[in-house]
mmCIF file of all heavy atoms, coordinates in Angstrom:
data_MODEL
# 
_entry.id   MODEL 
# 
loop_
_atom_site.group_PDB 
_atom_site.id 
_atom_site.type_symbol 
_atom_site.label_atom_id 
_atom_site.label_alt_id 
_atom_site.label_comp_id 
_atom_site.label_asym_id 
_atom_site.label_entity_id 
_atom_site.label_seq_id 
_atom_site.pdbx_PDB_ins_code 
_atom_site.Cartn_x 
_atom_site.Cartn_y 
_atom_site.Cartn_z 
_atom_site.occupancy 
_atom_site.B_iso_or_equiv 
_atom_site.pdbx_formal_charge 
_atom_site.auth_seq_id 
_atom_site.auth_comp_id 
_atom_site.auth_asym_id 
_atom_site.auth_atom_id 
_atom_site.pdbx_PDB_model_num 
ATOM 1   N N   . LEU A 1 1  ? 0.828  -1.201 -0.012 1.00 0.00 ? 1  LEU A N   1 
ATOM 2   C CA  . LEU A 1 1  ? 0.018  -0.049 -0.027 1.00 0.00 ? 1  LEU A CA  1 
ATOM 3   C C   . LEU A 1 1  ? 0.915  1.250  -0.056 1.00 0.00 ? 1  LEU A C   1 
ATOM 4   O O   . LEU A 1 1  ? 0.327  2.378  -0.337 1.00 0.00 ? 1  LEU A O   1 
ATOM 5   C CB  . LEU A 1 1  ? -0.892 0.078  1.224  1.00 0.00 ? 1  LEU A CB  1 
ATOM 6   C CG  . LEU A 1 1  ? -2.124 -0.998 1.142  1.00 0.00 ? 1  LEU A CG  1 
ATOM 7   C CD1 . LEU A 1 1  ? -2.820 -1.041 2.506  1.00 0.00 ? 1  LEU A CD1 1 
ATOM 8   C CD2 . LEU A 1 1  ? -3.133 -0.505 0.160  1.00 0.00 ? 1  LEU A CD2 1 
ATOM 9   N N   . VAL A 1 2  ? 2.160  1.065  0.351  1.00 0.00 ? 2  VAL A N   1 
ATOM 10  C CA  . VAL A 1 2  ? 3.070  2.292  0.256  1.00 0.00 ? 2  VAL A CA  1 
ATOM 11  C C   . VAL A 1 2  ? 3.059  2.797  -1.065 1.00 0.00 ? 2  VAL A C   1 
ATOM 12  O O   . VAL A 1 2  ? 3.216  4.012  -1.385 1.00 0.00 ? 2  VAL A O   1 
ATOM 13  C CB  . VAL A 1 2  ? 4.424  1.946  0.820  1.00 0.00 ? 2  VAL A CB  1 
ATOM 14  C CG1 . VAL A 1 2  ? 5.186  1.014  -0.073 1.00 0.00 ? 2  VAL A CG1 1 
ATOM 15  C CG2 . VAL A 1 2  ? 5.197  3.279  1.068  1.00 0.00 ? 2  VAL A CG2 1 
ATOM 16  N N   . LEU A 1 3  ? 2.874  1.957  -2.187 1.00 0.00 ? 3  LEU A N   1 
ATOM 17  C CA  . LEU A 1 3  ? 2.947  2.375  -3.531 1.00 0.00 ? 3  LEU A CA  1 
ATOM 18  C C   . LEU A 1 3  ? 1.768  3.290  -3.879 1.00 0.00 ? 3  LEU A C   1 
ATOM 19  O O   . LEU A 1 3  ? 1.875  4.067  -4.860 1.00 0.00 ? 3  LEU A O   1 
ATOM 20  C CB  . LEU A 1 3  ? 3.057  1.173  -4.422 1.00 0.00 ? 3  LEU A CB  1 
ATOM 21  C CG  . LEU A 1 3  ? 4.261  0.254  -4.389 1.00 0.00 ? 3  LEU A CG  1 
ATOM 22  C CD1 . LEU A 1 3  ? 4.148  -0.981 -5.207 1.00 0.00 ? 3  LEU A CD1 1 
ATOM 23  C CD2 . LEU A 1 3  ? 5.578  0.968  -4.716 1.00 0.00 ? 3  LEU A CD2 1 
ATOM 24  N N   . PHE A 1 4  ? 0.699  3.055  -3.154 1.00 0.00 ? 4  PHE A N   1 
ATOM 25  C CA  . PHE A 1 4  ? -0.520 3.823  -3.520 1.00 0.00 ? 4  PHE A CA  1 
ATOM 26  C C   . PHE A 1 4  ? -0.346 5.263  -3.305 1.00 0.00 ? 4  PHE A C   1 
ATOM 27  O O   . PHE A 1 4  ? -0.973 6.043  -4.099 1.00 0.00 ? 4  PHE A O   1 
ATOM 28  C CB  . PHE A 1 4  ? -1.747 3.183  -2.770 1.00 0.00 ? 4  PHE A CB  1 
ATOM 29  C CG  . PHE A 1 4  ? -2.196 1.909  -3.245 1.00 0.00 ? 4  PHE A CG  1 
ATOM 30  C CD1 . PHE A 1 4  ? -1.257 0.826  -3.476 1.00 0.00 ? 4  PHE A CD1 1 
ATOM 31  C CD2 . PHE A 1 4  ? -3.514 1.506  -3.365 1.00 0.00 ? 4  PHE A CD2 1 
ATOM 32  C CE1 . PHE A 1 4  ? -1.658 -0.472 -3.854 1.00 0.00 ? 4  PHE A CE1 1 
ATOM 33  C CE2 . PHE A 1 4  ? -3.936 0.298  -3.737 1.00 0.00 ? 4  PHE A CE2 1 
ATOM 34  C CZ  . PHE A 1 4  ? -2.950 -0.715 -3.999 1.00 0.00 ? 4  PHE A CZ  1 
ATOM 35  N N   . SER A 1 5  ? 0.160  5.687  -2.127 1.00 0.00 ? 5  SER A N   1 
ATOM 36  C CA  . SER A 1 5  ? 0.109  7.015  -1.694 1.00 0.00 ? 5  SER A CA  1 
ATOM 37  C C   . SER A 1 5  ? 1.455  7.658  -1.382 1.00 0.00 ? 5  SER A C   1 
ATOM 38  O O   . SER A 1 5  ? 1.491  8.783  -0.958 1.00 0.00 ? 5  SER A O   1 
ATOM 39  C CB  . SER A 1 5  ? -0.828 7.145  -0.529 1.00 0.00 ? 5  SER A CB  1 
ATOM 40  O OG  . SER A 1 5  ? -0.491 6.266  0.457  1.00 0.00 ? 5  SER A OG  1 
ATOM 41  N N   . ILE A 1 6  ? 2.586  7.040  -1.543 1.00 0.00 ? 6  ILE A N   1 
ATOM 42  C CA  . ILE A 1 6  ? 3.907  7.566  -1.315 1.00 0.00 ? 6  ILE A CA  1 
ATOM 43  C C   . ILE A 1 6  ? 4.133  8.779  -2.143 1.00 0.00 ? 6  ILE A C   1 
ATOM 44  O O   . ILE A 1 6  ? 4.765  9.789  -1.612 1.00 0.00 ? 6  ILE A O   1 
ATOM 45  C CB  . ILE A 1 6  ? 5.003  6.420  -1.464 1.00 0.00 ? 6  ILE A CB  1 
ATOM 46  C CG1 . ILE A 1 6  ? 6.357  6.946  -0.950 1.00 0.00 ? 6  ILE A CG1 1 
ATOM 47  C CG2 . ILE A 1 6  ? 5.151  6.038  -2.927 1.00 0.00 ? 6  ILE A CG2 1 
ATOM 48  C CD1 . ILE A 1 6  ? 7.419  5.929  -0.882 1.00 0.00 ? 6  ILE A CD1 1 
ATOM 49  N N   . GLY A 1 7  ? 3.710  8.791  -3.340 1.00 0.00 ? 7  GLY A N   1 
ATOM 50  C CA  . GLY A 1 7  ? 3.903  9.900  -4.192 1.00 0.00 ? 7  GLY A CA  1 
ATOM 51  C C   . GLY A 1 7  ? 3.017  11.142 -3.838 1.00 0.00 ? 7  GLY A C   1 
ATOM 52  O O   . GLY A 1 7  ? 3.528  12.290 -3.683 1.00 0.00 ? 7  GLY A O   1 
ATOM 53  N N   . ALA A 1 8  ? 1.795  10.823 -3.428 1.00 0.00 ? 8  ALA A N   1 
ATOM 54  C CA  . ALA A 1 8  ? 0.881  11.945 -2.980 1.00 0.00 ? 8  ALA A CA  1 
ATOM 55  C C   . ALA A 1 8  ? 1.314  12.545 -1.717 1.00 0.00 ? 8  ALA A C   1 
ATOM 56  O O   . ALA A 1 8  ? 1.275  13.866 -1.480 1.00 0.00 ? 8  ALA A O   1 
ATOM 57  C CB  . ALA A 1 8  ? -0.507 11.456 -2.854 1.00 0.00 ? 8  ALA A CB  1 
ATOM 58  N N   . VAL A 1 9  ? 1.818  11.701 -0.689 1.00 0.00 ? 9  VAL A N   1 
ATOM 59  C CA  . VAL A 1 9  ? 2.311  12.197 0.550  1.00 0.00 ? 9  VAL A CA  1 
ATOM 60  C C   . VAL A 1 9  ? 3.568  13.013 0.383  1.00 0.00 ? 9  VAL A C   1 
ATOM 61  O O   . VAL A 1 9  ? 3.671  14.130 0.874  1.00 0.00 ? 9  VAL A O   1 
ATOM 62  C CB  . VAL A 1 9  ? 2.493  11.006 1.545  1.00 0.00 ? 9  VAL A CB  1 
ATOM 63  C CG1 . VAL A 1 9  ? 3.343  11.582 2.739  1.00 0.00 ? 9  VAL A CG1 1 
ATOM 64  C CG2 . VAL A 1 9  ? 1.250  10.394 1.993  1.00 0.00 ? 9  VAL A CG2 1 
ATOM 65  N N   . ALA A 1 10 ? 4.492  12.492 -0.508 1.00 0.00 ? 10 ALA A N   1 
ATOM 66  C CA  . ALA A 1 10 ? 5.672  13.289 -0.767 1.00 0.00 ? 10 ALA A CA  1 
ATOM 67  C C   . ALA A 1 10 ? 5.419  14.616 -1.455 1.00 0.00 ? 10 ALA A C   1 
ATOM 68  O O   . ALA A 1 10 ? 5.996  15.594 -1.145 1.00 0.00 ? 10 ALA A O   1 
ATOM 69  C CB  . ALA A 1 10 ? 6.569  12.392 -1.665 1.00 0.00 ? 10 ALA A CB  1 
ATOM 70  N N   . SER A 1 11 ? 4.459  14.608 -2.481 1.00 0.00 ? 11 SER A N   1 
ATOM 71  C CA  . SER A 1 11 ? 4.182  15.840 -3.118 1.00 0.00 ? 11 SER A CA  1 
ATOM 72  C C   . SER A 1 11 ? 3.587  16.839 -2.226 1.00 0.00 ? 11 SER A C   1 
ATOM 73  O O   . SER A 1 11 ? 3.744  18.067 -2.532 1.00 0.00 ? 11 SER A O   1 
ATOM 74  C CB  . SER A 1 11 ? 3.238  15.563 -4.291 1.00 0.00 ? 11 SER A CB  1 
ATOM 75  O OG  . SER A 1 11 ? 3.784  14.632 -5.275 1.00 0.00 ? 11 SER A OG  1 
ATOM 76  N N   . ALA A 1 12 ? 2.900  16.518 -1.183 1.00 0.00 ? 12 ALA A N   1 
ATOM 77  C CA  . ALA A 1 12 ? 2.190  17.429 -0.367 1.00 0.00 ? 12 ALA A CA  1 
ATOM 78  C C   . ALA A 1 12 ? 3.075  17.811 0.856  1.00 0.00 ? 12 ALA A C   1 
ATOM 79  O O   . ALA A 1 12 ? 3.085  18.957 1.233  1.00 0.00 ? 12 ALA A O   1 
ATOM 80  C CB  . ALA A 1 12 ? 0.876  16.946 0.178  1.00 0.00 ? 12 ALA A CB  1 
ATOM 81  N N   . ALA A 1 13 ? 3.849  16.846 1.414  1.00 0.00 ? 13 ALA A N   1 
ATOM 82  C CA  . ALA A 1 13 ? 4.549  17.045 2.602  1.00 0.00 ? 13 ALA A CA  1 
ATOM 83  C C   . ALA A 1 13 ? 5.988  17.604 2.337  1.00 0.00 ? 13 ALA A C   1 
ATOM 84  O O   . ALA A 1 13 ? 6.620  18.344 3.115  1.00 0.00 ? 13 ALA A O   1 
ATOM 85  C CB  . ALA A 1 13 ? 4.632  15.792 3.471  1.00 0.00 ? 13 ALA A CB  1 
ATOM 86  N N   . GLY A 1 14 ? 6.553  17.153 1.174  1.00 0.00 ? 14 GLY A N   1 
ATOM 87  C CA  . GLY A 1 14 ? 7.928  17.558 0.948  1.00 0.00 ? 14 GLY A CA  1 
ATOM 88  C C   . GLY A 1 14 ? 8.917  16.903 1.735  1.00 0.00 ? 14 GLY A C   1 
ATOM 89  O O   . GLY A 1 14 ? 8.982  15.710 1.912  1.00 0.00 ? 14 GLY A O   1 
ATOM 90  N N   . ASN A 1 15 ? 9.895  17.634 2.519  1.00 0.00 ? 15 ASN A N   1 
ATOM 91  C CA  . ASN A 1 15 ? 11.003 17.093 3.209  1.00 0.00 ? 15 ASN A CA  1 
ATOM 92  C C   . ASN A 1 15 ? 10.527 16.325 4.523  1.00 0.00 ? 15 ASN A C   1 
ATOM 93  O O   . ASN A 1 15 ? 11.268 15.546 5.099  1.00 0.00 ? 15 ASN A O   1 
ATOM 94  C CB  . ASN A 1 15 ? 11.971 18.111 3.614  1.00 0.00 ? 15 ASN A CB  1 
ATOM 95  C CG  . ASN A 1 15 ? 12.703 18.693 2.422  1.00 0.00 ? 15 ASN A CG  1 
ATOM 96  O OD1 . ASN A 1 15 ? 12.730 18.043 1.320  1.00 0.00 ? 15 ASN A OD1 1 
ATOM 97  N ND2 . ASN A 1 15 ? 13.260 19.966 2.454  1.00 0.00 ? 15 ASN A ND2 1 
ATOM 98  N N   . ILE A 1 16 ? 9.317  16.446 4.951  1.00 0.00 ? 16 ILE A N   1 
ATOM 99  C CA  . ILE A 1 16 ? 8.923  15.700 6.176  1.00 0.00 ? 16 ILE A CA  1 
ATOM 100 C C   . ILE A 1 16 ? 8.191  14.495 5.775  1.00 0.00 ? 16 ILE A C   1 
ATOM 101 O O   . ILE A 1 16 ? 7.679  13.724 6.680  1.00 0.00 ? 16 ILE A O   1 
ATOM 102 C CB  . ILE A 1 16 ? 7.943  16.612 6.998  1.00 0.00 ? 16 ILE A CB  1 
ATOM 103 C CG1 . ILE A 1 16 ? 6.592  16.884 6.340  1.00 0.00 ? 16 ILE A CG1 1 
ATOM 104 C CG2 . ILE A 1 16 ? 8.665  17.963 7.403  1.00 0.00 ? 16 ILE A CG2 1 
ATOM 105 C CD1 . ILE A 1 16 ? 5.602  17.506 7.267  1.00 0.00 ? 16 ILE A CD1 1 
ATOM 106 N N   . SER A 1 17 ? 8.106  14.054 4.520  1.00 0.00 ? 17 SER A N   1 
ATOM 107 C CA  . SER A 1 17 ? 7.311  12.910 4.148  1.00 0.00 ? 17 SER A CA  1 
ATOM 108 C C   . SER A 1 17 ? 7.708  11.576 4.760  1.00 0.00 ? 17 SER A C   1 
ATOM 109 O O   . SER A 1 17 ? 6.875  10.783 5.215  1.00 0.00 ? 17 SER A O   1 
ATOM 110 C CB  . SER A 1 17 ? 7.339  12.730 2.592  1.00 0.00 ? 17 SER A CB  1 
ATOM 111 O OG  . SER A 1 17 ? 8.580  12.497 2.115  1.00 0.00 ? 17 SER A OG  1 
ATOM 112 N N   . SER A 1 18 ? 8.959  11.329 4.860  1.00 0.00 ? 18 SER A N   1 
ATOM 113 C CA  . SER A 1 18 ? 9.390  10.055 5.441  1.00 0.00 ? 18 SER A CA  1 
ATOM 114 C C   . SER A 1 18 ? 9.030  10.016 6.980  1.00 0.00 ? 18 SER A C   1 
ATOM 115 O O   . SER A 1 18 ? 8.701  8.929  7.475  1.00 0.00 ? 18 SER A O   1 
ATOM 116 C CB  . SER A 1 18 ? 10.884 9.718  5.281  1.00 0.00 ? 18 SER A CB  1 
ATOM 117 O OG  . SER A 1 18 ? 11.728 10.885 5.914  1.00 0.00 ? 18 SER A OG  1 
ATOM 118 N N   . ALA A 1 19 ? 9.104  11.214 7.648  1.00 0.00 ? 19 ALA A N   1 
ATOM 119 C CA  . ALA A 1 19 ? 8.782  11.197 9.051  1.00 0.00 ? 19 ALA A CA  1 
ATOM 120 C C   . ALA A 1 19 ? 7.226  11.015 9.211  1.00 0.00 ? 19 ALA A C   1 
ATOM 121 O O   . ALA A 1 19 ? 6.773  10.423 10.132 1.00 0.00 ? 19 ALA A O   1 
ATOM 122 C CB  . ALA A 1 19 ? 9.141  12.694 9.631  1.00 0.00 ? 19 ALA A CB  1 
ATOM 123 N N   . VAL A 1 20 ? 6.477  11.494 8.267  1.00 0.00 ? 20 VAL A N   1 
ATOM 124 C CA  . VAL A 1 20 ? 4.955  11.285 8.179  1.00 0.00 ? 20 VAL A CA  1 
ATOM 125 C C   . VAL A 1 20 ? 4.805  9.714  8.257  1.00 0.00 ? 20 VAL A C   1 
ATOM 126 O O   . VAL A 1 20 ? 3.895  9.224  9.028  1.00 0.00 ? 20 VAL A O   1 
ATOM 127 C CB  . VAL A 1 20 ? 4.302  11.898 7.139  1.00 0.00 ? 20 VAL A CB  1 
ATOM 128 C CG1 . VAL A 1 20 ? 2.904  11.353 6.825  1.00 0.00 ? 20 VAL A CG1 1 
ATOM 129 C CG2 . VAL A 1 20 ? 4.328  13.421 7.194  1.00 0.00 ? 20 VAL A CG2 1 
ATOM 130 N N   . TRP A 1 21 ? 5.459  9.002  7.405  1.00 0.00 ? 21 TRP A N   1 
ATOM 131 C CA  . TRP A 1 21 ? 5.222  7.590  7.361  1.00 0.00 ? 21 TRP A CA  1 
ATOM 132 C C   . TRP A 1 21 ? 5.601  6.930  8.664  1.00 0.00 ? 21 TRP A C   1 
ATOM 133 O O   . TRP A 1 21 ? 4.812  5.932  9.124  1.00 0.00 ? 21 TRP A O   1 
ATOM 134 C CB  . TRP A 1 21 ? 5.951  6.984  6.142  1.00 0.00 ? 21 TRP A CB  1 
ATOM 135 C CG  . TRP A 1 21 ? 5.363  7.283  4.830  1.00 0.00 ? 21 TRP A CG  1 
ATOM 136 C CD1 . TRP A 1 21 ? 5.767  8.176  3.970  1.00 0.00 ? 21 TRP A CD1 1 
ATOM 137 C CD2 . TRP A 1 21 ? 4.159  6.704  4.242  1.00 0.00 ? 21 TRP A CD2 1 
ATOM 138 N NE1 . TRP A 1 21 ? 4.971  8.263  2.842  1.00 0.00 ? 21 TRP A NE1 1 
ATOM 139 C CE2 . TRP A 1 21 ? 4.033  7.329  3.062  1.00 0.00 ? 21 TRP A CE2 1 
ATOM 140 C CE3 . TRP A 1 21 ? 3.371  5.710  4.653  1.00 0.00 ? 21 TRP A CE3 1 
ATOM 141 C CZ2 . TRP A 1 21 ? 2.962  6.888  2.160  1.00 0.00 ? 21 TRP A CZ2 1 
ATOM 142 C CZ3 . TRP A 1 21 ? 2.300  5.305  3.752  1.00 0.00 ? 21 TRP A CZ3 1 
ATOM 143 C CH2 . TRP A 1 21 ? 2.191  5.962  2.651  1.00 0.00 ? 21 TRP A CH2 1 
ATOM 144 N N   . MET A 1 22 ? 6.715  7.118  9.321  1.00 0.00 ? 22 MET A N   1 
ATOM 145 C CA  . MET A 1 22 ? 7.149  6.552  10.416 1.00 0.00 ? 22 MET A CA  1 
ATOM 146 C C   . MET A 1 22 ? 6.225  6.812  11.593 1.00 0.00 ? 22 MET A C   1 
ATOM 147 O O   . MET A 1 22 ? 5.860  5.978  12.426 1.00 0.00 ? 22 MET A O   1 
ATOM 148 C CB  . MET A 1 22 ? 8.551  6.972  10.813 1.00 0.00 ? 22 MET A CB  1 
ATOM 149 C CG  . MET A 1 22 ? 9.576  6.345  9.808  1.00 0.00 ? 22 MET A CG  1 
ATOM 150 S SD  . MET A 1 22 ? 11.335 6.678  10.322 1.00 0.00 ? 22 MET A SD  1 
ATOM 151 C CE  . MET A 1 22 ? 11.490 8.371  9.710  1.00 0.00 ? 22 MET A CE  1 
ATOM 152 N N   . LEU A 1 23 ? 5.723  8.048  11.690 1.00 0.00 ? 23 LEU A N   1 
ATOM 153 C CA  . LEU A 1 23 ? 4.856  8.449  12.776 1.00 0.00 ? 23 LEU A CA  1 
ATOM 154 C C   . LEU A 1 23 ? 3.518  7.673  12.644 1.00 0.00 ? 23 LEU A C   1 
ATOM 155 O O   . LEU A 1 23 ? 2.871  7.153  13.606 1.00 0.00 ? 23 LEU A O   1 
ATOM 156 C CB  . LEU A 1 23 ? 4.598  9.945  12.855 1.00 0.00 ? 23 LEU A CB  1 
ATOM 157 C CG  . LEU A 1 23 ? 3.615  10.457 13.785 1.00 0.00 ? 23 LEU A CG  1 
ATOM 158 C CD1 . LEU A 1 23 ? 3.952  10.097 15.245 1.00 0.00 ? 23 LEU A CD1 1 
ATOM 159 C CD2 . LEU A 1 23 ? 3.487  12.048 13.700 1.00 0.00 ? 23 LEU A CD2 1 
ATOM 160 N N   . SER A 1 24 ? 2.975  7.706  11.404 1.00 0.00 ? 24 SER A N   1 
ATOM 161 C CA  . SER A 1 24 ? 1.712  7.034  11.150 1.00 0.00 ? 24 SER A CA  1 
ATOM 162 C C   . SER A 1 24 ? 1.785  5.494  11.430 1.00 0.00 ? 24 SER A C   1 
ATOM 163 O O   . SER A 1 24 ? 0.920  4.935  12.126 1.00 0.00 ? 24 SER A O   1 
ATOM 164 C CB  . SER A 1 24 ? 1.346  7.129  9.624  1.00 0.00 ? 24 SER A CB  1 
ATOM 165 O OG  . SER A 1 24 ? 0.051  6.538  9.403  1.00 0.00 ? 24 SER A OG  1 
ATOM 166 N N   . MET A 1 25 ? 2.960  4.900  11.089 1.00 0.00 ? 25 MET A N   1 
ATOM 167 C CA  . MET A 1 25 ? 3.117  3.452  11.341 1.00 0.00 ? 25 MET A CA  1 
ATOM 168 C C   . MET A 1 25 ? 3.207  3.194  12.865 1.00 0.00 ? 25 MET A C   1 
ATOM 169 O O   . MET A 1 25 ? 2.644  2.102  13.321 1.00 0.00 ? 25 MET A O   1 
ATOM 170 C CB  . MET A 1 25 ? 4.333  3.035  10.684 1.00 0.00 ? 25 MET A CB  1 
ATOM 171 C CG  . MET A 1 25 ? 4.595  1.500  10.654 1.00 0.00 ? 25 MET A CG  1 
ATOM 172 S SD  . MET A 1 25 ? 3.336  0.518  9.830  1.00 0.00 ? 25 MET A SD  1 
ATOM 173 C CE  . MET A 1 25 ? 2.689  -0.557 11.079 1.00 0.00 ? 25 MET A CE  1 
ATOM 174 N N   . LEU A 1 26 ? 3.786  4.045  13.541 1.00 0.00 ? 26 LEU A N   1 
ATOM 175 C CA  . LEU A 1 26 ? 3.917  3.937  14.979 1.00 0.00 ? 26 LEU A CA  1 
ATOM 176 C C   . LEU A 1 26 ? 2.594  4.023  15.632 1.00 0.00 ? 26 LEU A C   1 
ATOM 177 O O   . LEU A 1 26 ? 2.211  3.151  16.523 1.00 0.00 ? 26 LEU A O   1 
ATOM 178 C CB  . LEU A 1 26 ? 4.739  5.073  15.611 1.00 0.00 ? 26 LEU A CB  1 
ATOM 179 C CG  . LEU A 1 26 ? 4.862  5.070  17.153 1.00 0.00 ? 26 LEU A CG  1 
ATOM 180 C CD1 . LEU A 1 26 ? 5.535  3.818  17.697 1.00 0.00 ? 26 LEU A CD1 1 
ATOM 181 C CD2 . LEU A 1 26 ? 5.647  6.308  17.617 1.00 0.00 ? 26 LEU A CD2 1 
ATOM 182 N N   . ILE A 1 27 ? 1.701  4.922  15.193 1.00 0.00 ? 27 ILE A N   1 
ATOM 183 C CA  . ILE A 1 27 ? 0.243  5.046  15.713 1.00 0.00 ? 27 ILE A CA  1 
ATOM 184 C C   . ILE A 1 27 ? -0.398 3.687  15.390 1.00 0.00 ? 27 ILE A C   1 
ATOM 185 O O   . ILE A 1 27 ? -1.126 3.078  16.222 1.00 0.00 ? 27 ILE A O   1 
ATOM 186 C CB  . ILE A 1 27 ? -0.449 6.175  15.084 1.00 0.00 ? 27 ILE A CB  1 
ATOM 187 C CG1 . ILE A 1 27 ? 0.263  7.449  15.560 1.00 0.00 ? 27 ILE A CG1 1 
ATOM 188 C CG2 . ILE A 1 27 ? -1.908 6.223  15.504 1.00 0.00 ? 27 ILE A CG2 1 
ATOM 189 C CD1 . ILE A 1 27 ? -0.266 8.708  14.773 1.00 0.00 ? 27 ILE A CD1 1 
ATOM 190 N N   . GLY A 1 28 ? -0.271 3.247  14.209 1.00 0.00 ? 28 GLY A N   1 
ATOM 191 C CA  . GLY A 1 28 ? -1.002 1.936  13.761 1.00 0.00 ? 28 GLY A CA  1 
ATOM 192 C C   . GLY A 1 28 ? -0.512 0.848  14.585 1.00 0.00 ? 28 GLY A C   1 
ATOM 193 O O   . GLY A 1 28 ? -1.467 -0.085 14.927 1.00 0.00 ? 28 GLY A O   1 
# 
């Protein structure tokens, strides 16, 4: 599922995108 939205998250978040993924995974 990372393939589905990695581009959209990166395009919106910019340099914080990888941190977004790690924080979201921690919550999950």
